[in-house]
PDB file of N, CA and C in Angstrom:
ATOM      1  N   MET A   1       8.239 -26.523  12.785  1.00  0.00           N
ATOM      2  CA  MET A   1       8.560 -25.741  11.833  1.00  0.00           C
ATOM      3  C   MET A   1       9.289 -25.354  11.466  1.00  0.00           C
ATOM      4  N   ILE A   2       9.250 -24.292   9.825  1.00  0.00           N
ATOM      5  CA  ILE A   2      10.777 -23.139   9.505  1.00  0.00           C
ATOM      6  C   ILE A   2      10.663 -22.113   9.821  1.00  0.00           C
ATOM      7  N   SER A   3      12.062 -21.977  10.474  1.00  0.00           N
ATOM      8  CA  SER A   3      12.214 -20.332  11.432  1.00  0.00           C
ATOM      9  C   SER A   3      12.640 -19.378   9.895  1.00  0.00           C
ATOM     10  N   VAL A   4      12.200 -18.527   9.428  1.00  0.00           N
ATOM     11  CA  VAL A   4      12.862 -17.918   9.111  1.00  0.00           C
ATOM     12  C   VAL A   4      14.021 -16.274   9.332  1.00  0.00           C
ATOM     13  N   ASN A   5      15.409 -16.441   9.454  1.00  0.00           N
ATOM     14  CA  ASN A   5      15.112 -14.866  10.486  1.00  0.00           C
ATOM     15  C   ASN A   5      15.461 -13.923   8.413  1.00  0.00           C
ATOM     16  N   PRO A   6      15.096 -12.393   9.435  1.00  0.00           N
ATOM     17  CA  PRO A   6      14.621 -11.477   8.973  1.00  0.00           C
ATOM     18  C   PRO A   6      15.818 -10.693   8.544  1.00  0.00           C
ATOM     19  N   ILE A   7      16.222 -10.494   7.138  1.00  0.00           N
ATOM     20  CA  ILE A   7      17.287  -9.398   6.634  1.00  0.00           C
ATOM     21  C   ILE A   7      17.461  -7.878   6.974  1.00  0.00           C
ATOM     22  N   TYR A   8      18.351  -7.861   7.962  1.00  0.00           N
ATOM     23  CA  TYR A   8      17.948  -6.896   8.871  1.00  0.00           C
ATOM     24  C   TYR A   8      19.122  -5.569   7.755  1.00  0.00           C
ATOM     25  N   THR A   9      19.082  -4.757   7.624  1.00  0.00           N
ATOM     26  CA  THR A   9      20.036  -3.659   7.245  1.00  0.00           C
ATOM     27  C   THR A   9      20.523  -2.893   8.548  1.00  0.00           C
ATOM     28  N   PRO A  10      21.626  -2.271   8.287  1.00  0.00           N
ATOM     29  CA  PRO A  10      21.837  -1.234   8.968  1.00  0.00           C
ATOM     30  C   PRO A  10      20.448  -0.228   9.435  1.00  0.00           C
ATOM     31  N   LEU A  11      19.654   0.548   8.701  1.00  0.00           N
ATOM     32  CA  LEU A  11      19.074   1.350   8.726  1.00  0.00           C
ATOM     33  C   LEU A  11      18.153   0.533   9.619  1.00  0.00           C
ATOM     34  N   ASP A  12      17.876  -0.579   9.818  1.00  0.00           N
ATOM     35  CA  ASP A  12      17.163  -0.903  10.868  1.00  0.00           C
ATOM     36  C   ASP A  12      18.125  -1.453  12.300  1.00  0.00           C
ATOM     37  N   ARG A  13      19.025  -0.631  12.941  1.00  0.00           N
ATOM     38  CA  ARG A  13      19.629  -0.765  13.681  1.00  0.00           C
ATOM     39  C   ARG A  13      19.824   0.882  14.398  1.00  0.00           C
ATOM     40  N   ILE A  14      19.426   1.371  13.949  1.00  0.00           N
ATOM     41  CA  ILE A  14      19.166   2.783  14.248  1.00  0.00           C
ATOM     42  C   ILE A  14      17.824   3.679  14.554  1.00  0.00           C
ATOM     43  N   GLY A  15      17.511   3.515  15.640  1.00  0.00           N
ATOM     44  CA  GLY A  15      16.433   3.859  15.552  1.00  0.00           C
ATOM     45  C   GLY A  15      15.781   4.913  15.115  1.00  0.00           C
ATOM     46  N   TRP A  16      16.182   6.075  14.901  1.00  0.00           N
ATOM     47  CA  TRP A  16      15.643   7.311  14.680  1.00  0.00           C
ATOM     48  C   TRP A  16      15.735   7.563  13.054  1.00  0.00           C
ATOM     49  N   LEU A  17      16.745   6.735  12.454  1.00  0.00           N
ATOM     50  CA  LEU A  17      16.393   7.151  11.276  1.00  0.00           C
ATOM     51  C   LEU A  17      15.498   5.841  10.987  1.00  0.00           C
ATOM     52  N   ASN A  18      15.422   4.878  11.635  1.00  0.00           N
ATOM     53  CA  ASN A  18      14.571   3.200  11.726  1.00  0.00           C
ATOM     54  C   ASN A  18      12.969   4.211  11.281  1.00  0.00           C
ATOM     55  N   THR A  19      12.636   5.081  12.517  1.00  0.00           N
ATOM     56  CA  THR A  19      11.802   5.429  12.602  1.00  0.00           C
ATOM     57  C   THR A  19      11.039   6.664  11.803  1.00  0.00           C
ATOM     58  N   SER A  20      12.374   7.227  11.332  1.00  0.00           N
ATOM     59  CA  SER A  20      11.798   8.214   9.708  1.00  0.00           C
ATOM     60  C   SER A  20      11.671   7.755   8.723  1.00  0.00           C
ATOM     61  N   ILE A  21      12.237   6.842   8.054  1.00  0.00           N
ATOM     62  CA  ILE A  21      12.295   6.220   7.251  1.00  0.00           C
ATOM     63  C   ILE A  21      10.315   5.407   6.829  1.00  0.00           C
ATOM     64  N   ARG A  22      10.468   4.767   8.062  1.00  0.00           N
ATOM     65  CA  ARG A  22       8.741   3.959   8.261  1.00  0.00           C
ATOM     66  C   ARG A  22       7.733   5.001   8.036  1.00  0.00           C
ATOM     67  N   CYS A  23       8.352   6.426   8.927  1.00  0.00           N
ATOM     68  CA  CYS A  23       7.138   7.557   8.824  1.00  0.00           C
ATOM     69  C   CYS A  23       6.931   7.471   6.982  1.00  0.00           C
ATOM     70  N   VAL A  24       7.848   8.202   6.357  1.00  0.00           N
ATOM     71  CA  VAL A  24       8.077   8.365   4.712  1.00  0.00           C
ATOM     72  C   VAL A  24       6.963   7.272   4.534  1.00  0.00           C
ATOM     73  N   LEU A  25       7.410   6.139   4.357  1.00  0.00           N
ATOM     74  CA  LEU A  25       7.275   5.079   4.258  1.00  0.00           C
ATOM     75  C   LEU A  25       5.758   4.830   3.504  1.00  0.00           C
ATOM     76  N   ALA A  26       4.958   5.550   5.453  1.00  0.00           N
ATOM     77  CA  ALA A  26       3.425   5.262   5.687  1.00  0.00           C
ATOM     78  C   ALA A  26       3.022   6.251   5.156  1.00  0.00           C
ATOM     79  N   LEU A  27       3.639   7.537   4.719  1.00  0.00           N
ATOM     80  CA  LEU A  27       3.035   8.311   4.237  1.00  0.00           C
ATOM     81  C   LEU A  27       2.923   8.041   2.982  1.00  0.00           C
ATOM     82  N   LEU A  28       3.787   8.140   2.616  1.00  0.00           N
ATOM     83  CA  LEU A  28       3.407   8.212   1.177  1.00  0.00           C
ATOM     84  C   LEU A  28       3.537   6.705   0.422  1.00  0.00           C
ATOM     85  N   GLY A  29       3.517   5.751   0.926  1.00  0.00           N
ATOM     86  CA  GLY A  29       3.128   4.160   0.513  1.00  0.00           C
ATOM     87  C   GLY A  29       1.762   3.906   0.669  1.00  0.00           C
ATOM     88  N   SER A  30       1.045   4.869   1.535  1.00  0.00           N
ATOM     89  CA  SER A  30       0.196   4.322   2.393  1.00  0.00           C
ATOM     90  C   SER A  30      -1.049   5.169   1.306  1.00  0.00           C
ATOM     91  N   TYR A  31      -0.825   6.798   0.354  1.00  0.00           N
ATOM     92  CA  TYR A  31      -1.394   7.421  -0.173  1.00  0.00           C
ATOM     93  C   TYR A  31      -1.239   6.519  -1.445  1.00  0.00           C
ATOM     94  N   ALA A  32      -0.304   6.597  -2.134  1.00  0.00           N
ATOM     95  CA  ALA A  32      -0.261   5.811  -3.479  1.00  0.00           C
ATOM     96  C   ALA A  32      -0.712   4.208  -3.196  1.00  0.00           C
ATOM     97  N   ILE A  33      -1.216   3.689  -2.190  1.00  0.00           N
ATOM     98  CA  ILE A  33      -1.982   2.377  -2.798  1.00  0.00           C
ATOM     99  C   ILE A  33      -3.882   3.189  -2.239  1.00  0.00           C
ATOM    100  N   ALA A  34      -3.984   3.977  -1.306  1.00  0.00           N
ATOM    101  CA  ALA A  34      -4.904   4.074  -2.070  1.00  0.00           C
ATOM    102  C   ALA A  34      -5.893   5.037  -2.613  1.00  0.00           C
ATOM    103  N   ILE A  35      -4.703   5.183  -3.347  1.00  0.00           N
ATOM    104  CA  ILE A  35      -5.101   5.750  -4.413  1.00  0.00           C
ATOM    105  C   ILE A  35      -5.327   4.922  -5.783  1.00  0.00           C
ATOM    106  N   LEU A  36      -4.323   4.582  -5.694  1.00  0.00           N
ATOM    107  CA  LEU A  36      -4.281   2.907  -6.448  1.00  0.00           C
ATOM    108  C   LEU A  36      -5.717   1.637  -6.990  1.00  0.00           C
ATOM    109  N   MET A  37      -5.915   1.825  -5.458  1.00  0.00           N
ATOM    110  CA  MET A  37      -6.956   0.705  -4.953  1.00  0.00           C
ATOM    111  C   MET A  37      -8.286   1.380  -5.423  1.00  0.00           C
ATOM    112  N   GLY A  38      -8.498   2.278  -4.709  1.00  0.00           N
ATOM    113  CA  GLY A  38      -9.456   3.412  -4.931  1.00  0.00           C
ATOM    114  C   GLY A  38      -9.777   3.612  -5.883  1.00  0.00           C
ATOM    115  N   SER A  39      -9.080   3.679  -7.418  1.00  0.00           N
ATOM    116  CA  SER A  39      -9.231   3.691  -9.391  1.00  0.00           C
ATOM    117  C   SER A  39      -9.580   2.528  -9.452  1.00  0.00           C
ATOM    118  N   ALA A  40      -8.845   1.763  -8.549  1.00  0.00           N
ATOM    119  CA  ALA A  40      -9.188   0.262  -9.124  1.00  0.00           C
ATOM    120  C   ALA A  40     -10.482  -0.229  -9.235  1.00  0.00           C
ATOM    121  N   ILE A  41     -10.682  -0.182  -7.787  1.00  0.00           N
ATOM    122  CA  ILE A  41     -12.132  -0.532  -6.688  1.00  0.00           C
ATOM    123  C   ILE A  41     -13.549   0.799  -7.899  1.00  0.00           C
ATOM    124  N   ALA A  42     -12.886   1.522  -8.466  1.00  0.00           N
ATOM    125  CA  ALA A  42     -14.220   2.801  -8.352  1.00  0.00           C
ATOM    126  C   ALA A  42     -14.565   1.784  -9.873  1.00  0.00           C
ATOM    127  N   ILE A  43     -13.400   1.155 -11.293  1.00  0.00           N
ATOM    128  CA  ILE A  43     -13.489   0.839 -12.320  1.00  0.00           C
ATOM    129  C   ILE A  43     -14.431  -0.216 -12.281  1.00  0.00           C
ATOM    130  N   THR A  44     -14.404  -0.894 -11.315  1.00  0.00           N
ATOM    131  CA  THR A  44     -15.102  -2.850 -11.781  1.00  0.00           C
ATOM    132  C   THR A  44     -16.529  -2.721 -10.617  1.00  0.00           C
ATOM    133  N   LEU A  45     -16.210  -1.747  -9.558  1.00  0.00           N
ATOM    134  CA  LEU A  45     -17.829  -1.010  -9.667  1.00  0.00           C
ATOM    135  C   LEU A  45     -18.928  -1.257 -10.284  1.00  0.00           C
ATOM    136  N   ALA A  46     -19.883  -2.225 -10.387  1.00  0.00           N
ATOM    137  CA  ALA A  46     -21.196  -1.849 -11.022  1.00  0.00           C
ATOM    138  C   ALA A  46     -22.621  -0.947 -11.057  1.00  0.00           C
ATOM    139  N   MET A  47     -21.968   0.381 -10.479  1.00  0.00           N
ATOM    140  CA  MET A  47     -23.020   1.361  -9.767  1.00  0.00           C
ATOM    141  C   MET A  47     -23.008   2.800 -10.291  1.00  0.00           C
ATOM    142  N   PRO A  48     -23.618   3.252 -10.159  1.00  0.00           N
ATOM    143  CA  PRO A  48     -23.910   4.457 -11.003  1.00  0.00           C
ATOM    144  C   PRO A  48     -22.222   5.024 -10.270  1.00  0.00           C
ATOM    145  N   ALA A  49     -21.986   6.113 -11.584  1.00  0.00           N
ATOM    146  CA  ALA A  49     -20.337   6.997 -11.642  1.00  0.00           C
ATOM    147  C   ALA A  49     -20.244   7.503 -10.214  1.00  0.00           C
ATOM    148  N   LYS A  50     -21.297   8.572  -8.922  1.00  0.00           N
ATOM    149  CA  LYS A  50     -21.461   8.873  -8.080  1.00  0.00           C
ATOM    150  C   LYS A  50     -21.240   7.743  -7.276  1.00  0.00           C
ATOM    151  N   ASP A  51     -22.109   6.659  -7.187  1.00  0.00           N
ATOM    152  CA  ASP A  51     -22.116   6.007  -6.193  1.00  0.00           C
ATOM    153  C   ASP A  51     -20.878   5.164  -6.232  1.00  0.00           C
ATOM    154  N   ALA A  52     -19.998   4.800  -7.087  1.00  0.00           N
ATOM    155  CA  ALA A  52     -18.554   4.051  -7.425  1.00  0.00           C
ATOM    156  C   ALA A  52     -17.783   4.899  -6.887  1.00  0.00           C
ATOM    157  N   THR A  53     -17.796   6.056  -6.774  1.00  0.00           N
ATOM    158  CA  THR A  53     -16.558   6.609  -7.107  1.00  0.00           C
ATOM    159  C   THR A  53     -16.856   6.998  -5.110  1.00  0.00           C
ATOM    160  N   MET A  54     -18.187   7.237  -4.742  1.00  0.00           N
ATOM    161  CA  MET A  54     -17.769   7.703  -3.278  1.00  0.00           C
ATOM    162  C   MET A  54     -17.153   5.819  -2.344  1.00  0.00           C
ATOM    163  N   SER A  55     -17.617   5.084  -2.756  1.00  0.00           N
ATOM    164  CA  SER A  55     -17.374   3.417  -2.345  1.00  0.00           C
ATOM    165  C   SER A  55     -15.999   3.476  -2.520  1.00  0.00           C
ATOM    166  N   ALA A  56     -15.068   3.621  -3.627  1.00  0.00           N
ATOM    167  CA  ALA A  56     -13.857   3.552  -3.738  1.00  0.00           C
ATOM    168  C   ALA A  56     -12.870   4.330  -2.775  1.00  0.00           C
ATOM    169  N   ILE A  57     -13.680   5.486  -2.444  1.00  0.00           N
ATOM    170  CA  ILE A  57     -12.634   6.361  -1.755  1.00  0.00           C
ATOM    171  C   ILE A  57     -13.165   6.168  -0.493  1.00  0.00           C
ATOM    172  N   MET A  58     -14.225   5.410  -0.078  1.00  0.00           N
ATOM    173  CA  MET A  58     -13.878   5.237   2.105  1.00  0.00           C
ATOM    174  C   MET A  58     -13.150   3.913   1.620  1.00  0.00           C
ATOM    175  N   LEU A  59     -13.147   3.052   0.595  1.00  0.00           N
ATOM    176  CA  LEU A  59     -12.392   1.690   0.457  1.00  0.00           C
ATOM    177  C   LEU A  59     -11.070   1.793   0.406  1.00  0.00           C
ATOM    178  N   GLY A  60     -10.402   2.915  -0.186  1.00  0.00           N
ATOM    179  CA  GLY A  60      -9.587   3.604  -0.244  1.00  0.00           C
ATOM    180  C   GLY A  60      -8.995   4.005   0.571  1.00  0.00           C
ATOM    181  N   PHE A  61      -9.895   4.833   1.752  1.00  0.00           N
ATOM    182  CA  PHE A  61      -9.527   4.651   3.118  1.00  0.00           C
ATOM    183  C   PHE A  61      -8.737   3.102   3.913  1.00  0.00           C
ATOM    184  N   VAL A  62      -9.576   3.513   3.655  1.00  0.00           N
ATOM    185  CA  VAL A  62      -9.532   1.717   4.631  1.00  0.00           C
ATOM    186  C   VAL A  62      -8.085   1.290   4.631  1.00  0.00           C
ATOM    187  N   ALA A  63      -7.619   0.867   2.827  1.00  0.00           N
ATOM    188  CA  ALA A  63      -6.484   0.067   2.182  1.00  0.00           C
ATOM    189  C   ALA A  63      -5.624   1.349   3.182  1.00  0.00           C
ATOM    190  N   GLN A  64      -5.732   2.973   3.346  1.00  0.00           N
ATOM    191  CA  GLN A  64      -4.512   3.515   3.758  1.00  0.00           C
ATOM    192  C   GLN A  64      -4.394   2.733   4.975  1.00  0.00           C
ATOM    193  N   LEU A  65      -5.552   3.081   5.320  1.00  0.00           N
ATOM    194  CA  LEU A  65      -5.071   2.812   7.197  1.00  0.00           C
ATOM    195  C   LEU A  65      -4.708   1.201   7.486  1.00  0.00           C
ATOM    196  N   LEU A  66      -5.091   0.118   6.711  1.00  0.00           N
ATOM    197  CA  LEU A  66      -3.937  -1.306   6.941  1.00  0.00           C
ATOM    198  C   LEU A  66      -2.582  -0.684   6.216  1.00  0.00           C
ATOM    199  N   ALA A  67      -2.498  -0.112   4.838  1.00  0.00           N
ATOM    200  CA  ALA A  67      -1.254   0.332   4.875  1.00  0.00           C
ATOM    201  C   ALA A  67      -0.283   0.717   5.790  1.00  0.00           C
ATOM    202  N   VAL A  68      -1.314   1.832   6.477  1.00  0.00           N
ATOM    203  CA  VAL A  68       0.299   2.265   7.755  1.00  0.00           C
ATOM    204  C   VAL A  68      -0.095   1.621   8.767  1.00  0.00           C
ATOM    205  N   LEU A  69      -0.719   0.682   9.287  1.00  0.00           N
ATOM    206  CA  LEU A  69      -0.670  -0.375  10.146  1.00  0.00           C
ATOM    207  C   LEU A  69       0.500  -1.531   9.927  1.00  0.00           C
ATOM    208  N   TRP A  70       0.230  -1.788   8.738  1.00  0.00           N
ATOM    209  CA  TRP A  70       1.689  -2.888   7.764  1.00  0.00           C
ATOM    210  C   TRP A  70       2.901  -2.062   8.350  1.00  0.00           C
ATOM    211  N   VAL A  71       2.931  -1.114   7.273  1.00  0.00           N
ATOM    212  CA  VAL A  71       4.714  -0.252   7.995  1.00  0.00           C
ATOM    213  C   VAL A  71       4.813  -0.476   9.252  1.00  0.00           C
ATOM    214  N   PHE A  72       4.237   0.036  10.387  1.00  0.00           N
ATOM    215  CA  PHE A  72       5.208  -0.018  11.307  1.00  0.00           C
ATOM    216  C   PHE A  72       4.529  -1.506  12.401  1.00  0.00           C
ATOM    217  N   HIS A  73       3.732  -2.396  11.595  1.00  0.00           N
ATOM    218  CA  HIS A  73       3.948  -3.543  12.109  1.00  0.00           C
ATOM    219  C   HIS A  73       5.053  -4.269  11.971  1.00  0.00           C
ATOM    220  N   ALA A  74       5.818  -4.434  10.516  1.00  0.00           N
ATOM    221  CA  ALA A  74       6.763  -5.414  10.110  1.00  0.00           C
ATOM    222  C   ALA A  74       7.924  -4.573  10.726  1.00  0.00           C
ATOM    223  N   ARG A  75       8.947  -5.969  10.970  1.00  0.00           N
ATOM    224  CA  ARG A  75       9.809  -6.225  11.401  1.00  0.00           C
ATOM    225  C   ARG A  75      11.380  -5.785  10.743  1.00  0.00           C
ATOM    226  N   THR A  76      11.360  -5.321   9.159  1.00  0.00           N
ATOM    227  CA  THR A  76      11.897  -4.653   8.831  1.00  0.00           C
ATOM    228  C   THR A  76      11.471  -3.163   7.467  1.00  0.00           C
ATOM    229  N   ILE A  77      12.531  -2.672   7.508  1.00  0.00           N
ATOM    230  CA  ILE A  77      12.486  -1.749   6.680  1.00  0.00           C
ATOM    231  C   ILE A  77      12.023  -2.478   5.082  1.00  0.00           C
ATOM    232  N   ILE A  78      13.046  -3.683   4.746  1.00  0.00           N
ATOM    233  CA  ILE A  78      12.563  -4.206   3.742  1.00  0.00           C
ATOM    234  C   ILE A  78      11.486  -4.789   3.586  1.00  0.00           C
ATOM    235  N   GLY A  79      10.986  -5.611   4.930  1.00  0.00           N
ATOM    236  CA  GLY A  79       9.122  -6.380   4.631  1.00  0.00           C
ATOM    237  C   GLY A  79       8.490  -4.932   4.202  1.00  0.00           C
ATOM    238  N   ALA A  80       8.740  -3.641   5.098  1.00  0.00           N
ATOM    239  CA  ALA A  80       7.691  -2.620   5.045  1.00  0.00           C
ATOM    240  C   ALA A  80       7.267  -2.153   3.601  1.00  0.00           C
ATOM    241  N   PHE A  81       8.417  -2.352   2.923  1.00  0.00           N
ATOM    242  CA  PHE A  81       8.919  -1.906   1.639  1.00  0.00           C
ATOM    243  C   PHE A  81       7.677  -2.862   0.370  1.00  0.00           C
ATOM    244  N   ILE A  82       8.283  -4.140   0.771  1.00  0.00           N
ATOM    245  CA  ILE A  82       7.315  -4.866   0.189  1.00  0.00           C
ATOM    246  C   ILE A  82       6.052  -5.367   0.184  1.00  0.00           C
ATOM    247  N   GLY A  83       5.690  -5.123   1.328  1.00  0.00           N
ATOM    248  CA  GLY A  83       4.651  -4.842   1.530  1.00  0.00           C
ATOM    249  C   GLY A  83       3.565  -3.769   1.300  1.00  0.00           C
ATOM    250  N   LEU A  84       4.166  -2.314   1.022  1.00  0.00           N
ATOM    251  CA  LEU A  84       3.059  -1.834   0.043  1.00  0.00           C
ATOM    252  C   LEU A  84       3.688  -1.997  -1.307  1.00  0.00           C
ATOM    253  N   ALA A  85       4.441  -2.553  -1.258  1.00  0.00           N
ATOM    254  CA  ALA A  85       4.937  -2.496  -3.303  1.00  0.00           C
ATOM    255  C   ALA A  85       4.058  -3.525  -4.008  1.00  0.00           C
ATOM    256  N   VAL A  86       3.841  -4.809  -3.180  1.00  0.00           N
ATOM    257  CA  VAL A  86       2.618  -5.685  -3.389  1.00  0.00           C
ATOM    258  C   VAL A  86       1.640  -5.002  -3.766  1.00  0.00           C
ATOM    259  N   PRO A  87       0.845  -4.830  -3.011  1.00  0.00           N
ATOM    260  CA  PRO A  87      -0.768  -4.284  -3.065  1.00  0.00           C
ATOM    261  C   PRO A  87      -0.586  -3.225  -4.495  1.00  0.00           C
ATOM    262  N   ALA A  88       0.240  -2.340  -4.233  1.00  0.00           N
ATOM    263  CA  ALA A  88       0.637  -1.297  -5.439  1.00  0.00           C
ATOM    264  C   ALA A  88       0.678  -1.573  -6.310  1.00  0.00           C
ATOM    265  N   ALA A  89       1.251  -3.109  -6.914  1.00  0.00           N
ATOM    266  CA  ALA A  89       1.758  -3.199  -8.012  1.00  0.00           C
ATOM    267  C   ALA A  89       0.561  -4.009  -8.616  1.00  0.00           C
ATOM    268  N   ILE A  90      -0.206  -4.579  -7.866  1.00  0.00           N
ATOM    269  CA  ILE A  90      -1.640  -5.694  -8.366  1.00  0.00           C
ATOM    270  C   ILE A  90      -2.811  -4.271  -8.314  1.00  0.00           C
ATOM    271  N   ALA A  91      -2.918  -3.427  -8.018  1.00  0.00           N
ATOM    272  CA  ALA A  91      -3.434  -2.607  -8.139  1.00  0.00           C
ATOM    273  C   ALA A  91      -3.073  -1.665  -9.317  1.00  0.00           C
ATOM    274  N   SER A  92      -1.980  -1.805  -9.753  1.00  0.00           N
ATOM    275  CA  SER A  92      -2.102  -0.943 -10.982  1.00  0.00           C
ATOM    276  C   SER A  92      -1.806  -2.038 -11.989  1.00  0.00           C
ATOM    277  N   GLY A  93      -1.455  -3.383 -12.272  1.00  0.00           N
ATOM    278  CA  GLY A  93      -1.488  -3.807 -12.687  1.00  0.00           C
ATOM    279  C   GLY A  93      -3.092  -4.685 -13.318  1.00  0.00           C
ATOM    280  N   ILE A  94      -4.090  -4.358 -12.017  1.00  0.00           N
ATOM    281  CA  ILE A  94      -5.476  -4.595 -12.275  1.00  0.00           C
ATOM    282  C   ILE A  94      -6.412  -2.945 -13.272  1.00  0.00           C
ATOM    283  N   LEU A  95      -5.280  -1.672 -12.978  1.00  0.00           N
ATOM    284  CA  LEU A  95      -6.093  -0.660 -13.877  1.00  0.00           C
ATOM    285  C   LEU A  95      -5.113  -0.763 -15.008  1.00  0.00           C
ATOM    286  N   TYR A  96      -4.277  -1.490 -15.197  1.00  0.00           N
ATOM    287  CA  TYR A  96      -3.615  -1.386 -16.612  1.00  0.00           C
ATOM    288  C   TYR A  96      -4.500  -1.935 -17.280  1.00  0.00           C
ATOM    289  N   TRP A  97      -4.617  -3.310 -17.322  1.00  0.00           N
ATOM    290  CA  TRP A  97      -5.109  -4.283 -17.737  1.00  0.00           C
ATOM    291  C   TRP A  97      -6.703  -3.890 -17.712  1.00  0.00           C
ATOM    292  N   LEU A  98      -7.435  -2.884 -17.214  1.00  0.00           N
ATOM    293  CA  LEU A  98      -8.780  -2.991 -17.126  1.00  0.00           C
ATOM    294  C   LEU A  98      -8.495  -2.231 -17.938  1.00  0.00           C
ATOM    295  N   THR A  99      -8.243  -0.450 -18.430  1.00  0.00           N
ATOM    296  CA  THR A  99      -8.301   0.764 -18.612  1.00  0.00           C
ATOM    297  C   THR A  99      -6.993   0.414 -20.045  1.00  0.00           C
ATOM    298  N   GLY A 100      -6.110   0.332 -19.784  1.00  0.00           N
ATOM    299  CA  GLY A 100      -4.778   0.311 -20.812  1.00  0.00           C
ATOM    300  C   GLY A 100      -3.829   1.107 -20.600  1.00  0.00           C
ATOM    301  N   ALA A 101      -4.437   2.039 -19.700  1.00  0.00           N
ATOM    302  CA  ALA A 101      -3.685   2.861 -19.154  1.00  0.00           C
ATOM    303  C   ALA A 101      -2.593   2.801 -18.148  1.00  0.00           C
ATOM    304  N   ILE A 102      -1.816   3.301 -17.760  1.00  0.00           N
ATOM    305  CA  ILE A 102      -0.804   3.475 -16.631  1.00  0.00           C
ATOM    306  C   ILE A 102      -1.538   4.865 -16.190  1.00  0.00           C
ATOM    307  N   VAL A 103      -1.929   4.476 -14.644  1.00  0.00           N
ATOM    308  CA  VAL A 103      -2.494   6.082 -13.215  1.00  0.00           C
ATOM    309  C   VAL A 103      -0.960   6.418 -13.391  1.00  0.00           C
TER     310      VAL A 103
END
């Protein structure tokens, strides 16, 4: 089994600063992921507009919850940031591909 050592930054070593940065990441990053994924899901669902919007909002809340859990589960701040950036970039790419506009 290959063991990978995480990349710790000085911010990971200061407890109150680590927690503060993770709280800001969780607040802003999870909101961005919920909006982006909700928009992408609403566009791709083959339903009437009202139903697609409501379903996308509910799934966006699930995505937001998972993003917050990920931020506090990640070993490092860099891992938490990457864990938020990758799904947001994928959802943005899907939105750009489907609509041709950046949200």
